[in-house]
Amino acid sequence: MTSALHIAIIARKDLTARQNAEITSLCSRAYGEDFSSILPLFDHPTHILAYANGDLVSHALWITRPLDYNDTRLQSAYVEAVATEPAQQGRGYASALLRRLASAITPYDIGALSPSDPVFYTRFGWEVWRGPLYVATAAGSYPTPDDVVMILRLPRTPPIDLQGKLTAPWRAGDIW
């Protein structure tokens, strides 16, 4: 890292209008798509923000999302919108952010995310789910074989076989 990093964890309801705008702008640049309609889809997120020299350089959020592992209901900290300012990538900001995030989500049963780059997350203890993935709807459960999910074992995580069945409730936008 080229400068001191300040990391803040803030519930969406406590974000300022400026912080909301900065997060939306950062995620839009990092993902190359307009995040102004995507970020509001996340129900009650907690944001984790990394600032270098007062500028927002990296972001992630998590939501509480139930996941069913075989027949066991787990409360997950489901991680979304991990983004670093494109000009600041490769400086360790997202790495520092993810280390801090892992310690912040320890009250949950498990961490989960759908990665764009699984190799990046494995460095921080995230594991690729190798078993079948499903989405649960009012009409039943359906396989989602094209999705990739990773989990992070936390102190409350029960024994898990990564070959087991993992089911998420349906939601608008990306299912996983």
C-alpha atoms as a PDB file:
ATOM      1  CA  MET A   1       0.000   0.000   0.000  1.00  0.00           C
ATOM      2  CA  THR A   2       1.251   3.437  -0.869  1.00  0.00           C
ATOM      3  CA  SER A   3      -0.512   5.332   1.926  1.00  0.00           C
ATOM      4  CA  ALA A   4      -2.155   4.853   5.296  1.00  0.00           C
ATOM      5  CA  LEU A   5      -5.508   3.177   4.960  1.00  0.00           C
ATOM      6  CA  HIS A   6      -8.559   3.971   7.057  1.00  0.00           C
ATOM      7  CA  ILE A   7     -11.328   1.351   7.033  1.00  0.00           C
ATOM      8  CA  ALA A   8     -14.864   2.182   8.157  1.00  0.00           C
ATOM      9  CA  ILE A   9     -17.862  -0.118   8.593  1.00  0.00           C
ATOM     10  CA  ILE A  10     -21.181   1.668   8.162  1.00  0.00           C
ATOM     11  CA  ALA A  11     -24.792   0.468   7.880  1.00  0.00           C
ATOM     12  CA  ARG A  12     -26.570   1.858   4.808  1.00  0.00           C
ATOM     13  CA  LYS A  13     -28.984   3.826   6.973  1.00  0.00           C
ATOM     14  CA  ASP A  14     -26.017   5.706   8.455  1.00  0.00           C
ATOM     15  CA  LEU A  15     -24.312   6.598   5.161  1.00  0.00           C
ATOM     16  CA  THR A  16     -24.262  10.246   4.165  1.00  0.00           C
ATOM     17  CA  ALA A  17     -25.513  11.334   0.746  1.00  0.00           C
ATOM     18  CA  ARG A  18     -21.885  11.981  -0.204  1.00  0.00           C
ATOM     19  CA  GLN A  19     -20.804   8.472   0.844  1.00  0.00           C
ATOM     20  CA  ASN A  20     -23.692   6.939  -1.137  1.00  0.00           C
ATOM     21  CA  ALA A  21     -22.641   8.908  -4.206  1.00  0.00           C
ATOM     22  CA  GLU A  22     -18.969   7.941  -3.768  1.00  0.00           C
ATOM     23  CA  ILE A  23     -19.838   4.240  -3.398  1.00  0.00           C
ATOM     24  CA  THR A  24     -22.089   4.300  -6.458  1.00  0.00           C
ATOM     25  CA  SER A  25     -19.457   6.095  -8.520  1.00  0.00           C
ATOM     26  CA  LEU A  26     -16.629   3.782  -7.403  1.00  0.00           C
ATOM     27  CA  CYS A  27     -18.627   0.602  -8.094  1.00  0.00           C
ATOM     28  CA  SER A  28     -19.767   1.940 -11.476  1.00  0.00           C
ATOM     29  CA  ARG A  29     -16.173   2.637 -12.535  1.00  0.00           C
ATOM     30  CA  ALA A  30     -14.833  -0.650 -11.166  1.00  0.00           C
ATOM     31  CA  TYR A  31     -17.535  -2.807 -12.789  1.00  0.00           C
ATOM     32  CA  GLY A  32     -18.019  -0.736 -15.946  1.00  0.00           C
ATOM     33  CA  GLU A  33     -21.789  -0.509 -15.399  1.00  0.00           C
ATOM     34  CA  ASP A  34     -24.199   1.889 -13.729  1.00  0.00           C
ATOM     35  CA  PHE A  35     -24.576   0.867 -10.083  1.00  0.00           C
ATOM     36  CA  SER A  36     -27.199   3.506  -9.260  1.00  0.00           C
ATOM     37  CA  SER A  37     -29.980   0.963  -9.796  1.00  0.00           C
ATOM     38  CA  ILE A  38     -28.036  -2.047  -8.435  1.00  0.00           C
ATOM     39  CA  LEU A  39     -26.964  -0.914  -4.955  1.00  0.00           C
ATOM     40  CA  PRO A  40     -30.553  -0.172  -3.793  1.00  0.00           C
ATOM     41  CA  LEU A  41     -31.446  -3.850  -4.452  1.00  0.00           C
ATOM     42  CA  PHE A  42     -29.418  -4.961  -1.418  1.00  0.00           C
ATOM     43  CA  ASP A  43     -31.663  -5.241   1.630  1.00  0.00           C
ATOM     44  CA  HIS A  44     -30.101  -3.662   4.741  1.00  0.00           C
ATOM     45  CA  PRO A  45     -26.451  -3.871   3.715  1.00  0.00           C
ATOM     46  CA  THR A  46     -23.477  -3.055   5.851  1.00  0.00           C
ATOM     47  CA  HIS A  47     -20.781  -1.293   3.861  1.00  0.00           C
ATOM     48  CA  ILE A  48     -17.079  -1.537   4.482  1.00  0.00           C
ATOM     49  CA  LEU A  49     -15.129   1.366   3.034  1.00  0.00           C
ATOM     50  CA  ALA A  50     -11.381   1.834   2.612  1.00  0.00           C
ATOM     51  CA  TYR A  51     -10.023   5.367   2.401  1.00  0.00           C
ATOM     52  CA  ALA A  52      -6.496   6.382   1.398  1.00  0.00           C
ATOM     53  CA  ASN A  53      -5.602  10.041   1.948  1.00  0.00           C
ATOM     54  CA  GLY A  54      -9.304  10.765   2.475  1.00  0.00           C
ATOM     55  CA  ASP A  55     -10.377   9.257  -0.857  1.00  0.00           C
ATOM     56  CA  LEU A  56     -12.596   6.180  -1.150  1.00  0.00           C
ATOM     57  CA  VAL A  57     -10.394   3.544  -2.815  1.00  0.00           C
ATOM     58  CA  SER A  58     -12.127   0.241  -2.048  1.00  0.00           C
ATOM     59  CA  HIS A  59     -15.586  -0.973  -1.064  1.00  0.00           C
ATOM     60  CA  ALA A  60     -17.563  -4.087  -0.229  1.00  0.00           C
ATOM     61  CA  LEU A  61     -20.873  -4.747   1.438  1.00  0.00           C
ATOM     62  CA  TRP A  62     -22.580  -7.666   3.089  1.00  0.00           C
ATOM     63  CA  ILE A  63     -26.180  -8.566   3.714  1.00  0.00           C
ATOM     64  CA  THR A  64     -27.697 -11.160   6.002  1.00  0.00           C
ATOM     65  CA  ARG A  65     -28.857 -13.944   3.707  1.00  0.00           C
ATOM     66  CA  PRO A  66     -30.122 -17.375   4.732  1.00  0.00           C
ATOM     67  CA  LEU A  67     -28.487 -20.291   2.934  1.00  0.00           C
ATOM     68  CA  ASP A  68     -29.536 -23.906   3.296  1.00  0.00           C
ATOM     69  CA  TYR A  69     -26.680 -26.385   3.474  1.00  0.00           C
ATOM     70  CA  ASN A  70     -28.307 -29.777   2.898  1.00  0.00           C
ATOM     71  CA  ASP A  71     -31.009 -29.547   5.612  1.00  0.00           C
ATOM     72  CA  THR A  72     -29.292 -26.963   7.819  1.00  0.00           C
ATOM     73  CA  ARG A  73     -30.258 -23.271   7.725  1.00  0.00           C
ATOM     74  CA  LEU A  74     -27.226 -20.986   7.950  1.00  0.00           C
ATOM     75  CA  GLN A  75     -27.260 -17.231   8.393  1.00  0.00           C
ATOM     76  CA  SER A  76     -24.654 -15.951   5.989  1.00  0.00           C
ATOM     77  CA  ALA A  77     -22.884 -12.667   5.639  1.00  0.00           C
ATOM     78  CA  TYR A  78     -23.304 -12.556   1.872  1.00  0.00           C
ATOM     79  CA  VAL A  79     -20.640 -10.308   0.357  1.00  0.00           C
ATOM     80  CA  GLU A  80     -21.372  -8.148  -2.683  1.00  0.00           C
ATOM     81  CA  ALA A  81     -19.980  -5.232  -4.678  1.00  0.00           C
ATOM     82  CA  VAL A  82     -16.299  -5.734  -3.867  1.00  0.00           C
ATOM     83  CA  ALA A  83     -14.689  -2.926  -5.830  1.00  0.00           C
ATOM     84  CA  THR A  84     -11.457  -0.953  -5.957  1.00  0.00           C
ATOM     85  CA  GLU A  85     -10.866   2.271  -7.819  1.00  0.00           C
ATOM     86  CA  PRO A  86      -9.408   1.069 -11.147  1.00  0.00           C
ATOM     87  CA  ALA A  87      -6.381   3.390 -10.937  1.00  0.00           C
ATOM     88  CA  GLN A  88      -5.685   2.133  -7.389  1.00  0.00           C
ATOM     89  CA  GLN A  89      -5.880  -1.610  -8.045  1.00  0.00           C
ATOM     90  CA  GLY A  90      -2.890  -3.772  -7.157  1.00  0.00           C
ATOM     91  CA  ARG A  91      -1.947  -1.712  -4.095  1.00  0.00           C
ATOM     92  CA  GLY A  92      -3.415  -4.032  -1.455  1.00  0.00           C
ATOM     93  CA  TYR A  93      -6.508  -1.968  -0.652  1.00  0.00           C
ATOM     94  CA  ALA A  94      -9.031  -4.728  -1.387  1.00  0.00           C
ATOM     95  CA  SER A  95      -6.820  -7.216   0.461  1.00  0.00           C
ATOM     96  CA  ALA A  96      -6.841  -5.063   3.597  1.00  0.00           C
ATOM     97  CA  LEU A  97     -10.575  -4.523   3.216  1.00  0.00           C
ATOM     98  CA  LEU A  98     -11.277  -8.272   2.930  1.00  0.00           C
ATOM     99  CA  ARG A  99      -9.139  -9.080   5.977  1.00  0.00           C
ATOM    100  CA  ARG A 100     -11.096  -6.539   8.023  1.00  0.00           C
ATOM    101  CA  LEU A 101     -14.396  -7.788   6.588  1.00  0.00           C
ATOM    102  CA  ALA A 102     -13.583 -11.361   7.668  1.00  0.00           C
ATOM    103  CA  SER A 103     -13.147 -10.242  11.267  1.00  0.00           C
ATOM    104  CA  ALA A 104     -16.355  -8.148  11.136  1.00  0.00           C
ATOM    105  CA  ILE A 105     -18.608 -11.005   9.998  1.00  0.00           C
ATOM    106  CA  THR A 106     -17.653 -13.514  12.721  1.00  0.00           C
ATOM    107  CA  PRO A 107     -21.135 -13.347  14.354  1.00  0.00           C
ATOM    108  CA  TYR A 108     -22.558 -15.090  11.256  1.00  0.00           C
ATOM    109  CA  ASP A 109     -22.642 -18.831  10.593  1.00  0.00           C
ATOM    110  CA  ILE A 110     -20.753 -18.486   7.317  1.00  0.00           C
ATOM    111  CA  GLY A 111     -19.447 -15.978   4.787  1.00  0.00           C
ATOM    112  CA  ALA A 112     -20.486 -16.393   1.155  1.00  0.00           C
ATOM    113  CA  LEU A 113     -20.027 -14.620  -2.160  1.00  0.00           C
ATOM    114  CA  SER A 114     -20.163 -15.150  -5.898  1.00  0.00           C
ATOM    115  CA  PRO A 115     -16.704 -14.154  -7.139  1.00  0.00           C
ATOM    116  CA  SER A 116     -15.570 -12.618 -10.376  1.00  0.00           C
ATOM    117  CA  ASP A 117     -12.046 -13.882  -9.600  1.00  0.00           C
ATOM    118  CA  PRO A 118     -12.009 -16.982  -7.335  1.00  0.00           C
ATOM    119  CA  VAL A 119      -8.195 -17.085  -7.202  1.00  0.00           C
ATOM    120  CA  PHE A 120      -8.115 -13.659  -5.549  1.00  0.00           C
ATOM    121  CA  TYR A 121     -10.423 -14.764  -2.724  1.00  0.00           C
ATOM    122  CA  THR A 122      -8.680 -18.076  -2.024  1.00  0.00           C
ATOM    123  CA  ARG A 123      -5.723 -16.073  -0.679  1.00  0.00           C
ATOM    124  CA  PHE A 124      -7.990 -14.994   2.178  1.00  0.00           C
ATOM    125  CA  GLY A 125      -9.355 -18.426   3.084  1.00  0.00           C
ATOM    126  CA  TRP A 126     -12.444 -18.439   0.846  1.00  0.00           C
ATOM    127  CA  GLU A 127     -13.253 -21.857  -0.631  1.00  0.00           C
ATOM    128  CA  VAL A 128     -15.036 -22.672  -3.884  1.00  0.00           C
ATOM    129  CA  TRP A 129     -18.284 -24.567  -3.349  1.00  0.00           C
ATOM    130  CA  ARG A 130     -17.993 -27.803  -5.350  1.00  0.00           C
ATOM    131  CA  GLY A 131     -21.421 -29.265  -4.677  1.00  0.00           C
ATOM    132  CA  PRO A 132     -24.712 -28.482  -6.377  1.00  0.00           C
ATOM    133  CA  LEU A 133     -26.157 -24.983  -6.094  1.00  0.00           C
ATOM    134  CA  TYR A 134     -29.884 -24.282  -6.060  1.00  0.00           C
ATOM    135  CA  VAL A 135     -32.252 -21.361  -5.846  1.00  0.00           C
ATOM    136  CA  ALA A 136     -35.480 -21.752  -3.871  1.00  0.00           C
ATOM    137  CA  THR A 137     -38.646 -20.191  -5.267  1.00  0.00           C
ATOM    138  CA  ALA A 138     -42.308 -20.423  -4.306  1.00  0.00           C
ATOM    139  CA  ALA A 139     -42.631 -23.081  -7.021  1.00  0.00           C
ATOM    140  CA  GLY A 140     -39.735 -25.202  -5.754  1.00  0.00           C
ATOM    141  CA  SER A 141     -35.944 -25.419  -5.921  1.00  0.00           C
ATOM    142  CA  TYR A 142     -34.031 -25.201  -9.178  1.00  0.00           C
ATOM    143  CA  PRO A 143     -30.363 -25.973  -9.920  1.00  0.00           C
ATOM    144  CA  THR A 144     -28.037 -23.122 -10.872  1.00  0.00           C
ATOM    145  CA  PRO A 145     -25.126 -25.086 -12.387  1.00  0.00           C
ATOM    146  CA  ASP A 146     -23.522 -22.081 -14.098  1.00  0.00           C
ATOM    147  CA  ASP A 147     -22.984 -20.139 -10.880  1.00  0.00           C
ATOM    148  CA  VAL A 148     -19.830 -20.092  -8.762  1.00  0.00           C
ATOM    149  CA  VAL A 149     -20.059 -19.559  -5.004  1.00  0.00           C
ATOM    150  CA  MET A 150     -17.344 -19.347  -2.392  1.00  0.00           C
ATOM    151  CA  ILE A 151     -17.661 -19.671   1.363  1.00  0.00           C
ATOM    152  CA  LEU A 152     -15.585 -18.463   4.273  1.00  0.00           C
ATOM    153  CA  ARG A 153     -15.641 -20.648   7.358  1.00  0.00           C
ATOM    154  CA  LEU A 154     -16.196 -18.594  10.502  1.00  0.00           C
ATOM    155  CA  PRO A 155     -16.030 -19.539  14.206  1.00  0.00           C
ATOM    156  CA  ARG A 156     -19.749 -20.498  14.154  1.00  0.00           C
ATOM    157  CA  THR A 157     -19.561 -22.500  10.907  1.00  0.00           C
ATOM    158  CA  PRO A 158     -20.697 -26.088  11.468  1.00  0.00           C
ATOM    159  CA  PRO A 159     -18.796 -28.942   9.824  1.00  0.00           C
ATOM    160  CA  ILE A 160     -19.364 -28.512   6.100  1.00  0.00           C
ATOM    161  CA  ASP A 161     -18.630 -30.744   3.139  1.00  0.00           C
ATOM    162  CA  LEU A 162     -18.076 -28.531   0.094  1.00  0.00           C
ATOM    163  CA  GLN A 163     -19.698 -31.266  -2.006  1.00  0.00           C
ATOM    164  CA  GLY A 164     -23.065 -30.812  -0.257  1.00  0.00           C
ATOM    165  CA  LYS A 165     -26.129 -29.035  -1.593  1.00  0.00           C
ATOM    166  CA  LEU A 166     -26.297 -25.255  -1.090  1.00  0.00           C
ATOM    167  CA  THR A 167     -29.558 -23.389  -1.668  1.00  0.00           C
ATOM    168  CA  ALA A 168     -30.251 -19.655  -1.649  1.00  0.00           C
ATOM    169  CA  PRO A 169     -33.639 -17.987  -1.701  1.00  0.00           C
ATOM    170  CA  TRP A 170     -34.581 -16.362  -4.989  1.00  0.00           C
ATOM    171  CA  ARG A 171     -33.976 -12.631  -5.263  1.00  0.00           C
ATOM    172  CA  ALA A 172     -34.150  -9.979  -7.953  1.00  0.00           C
ATOM    173  CA  GLY A 173     -30.936  -9.338  -9.865  1.00  0.00           C
ATOM    174  CA  ASP A 174     -28.184 -11.913  -9.565  1.00  0.00           C
ATOM    175  CA  ILE A 175     -29.470 -15.064  -7.870  1.00  0.00           C
ATOM    176  CA  TRP A 176     -26.080 -15.740  -6.337  1.00  0.00           C
END
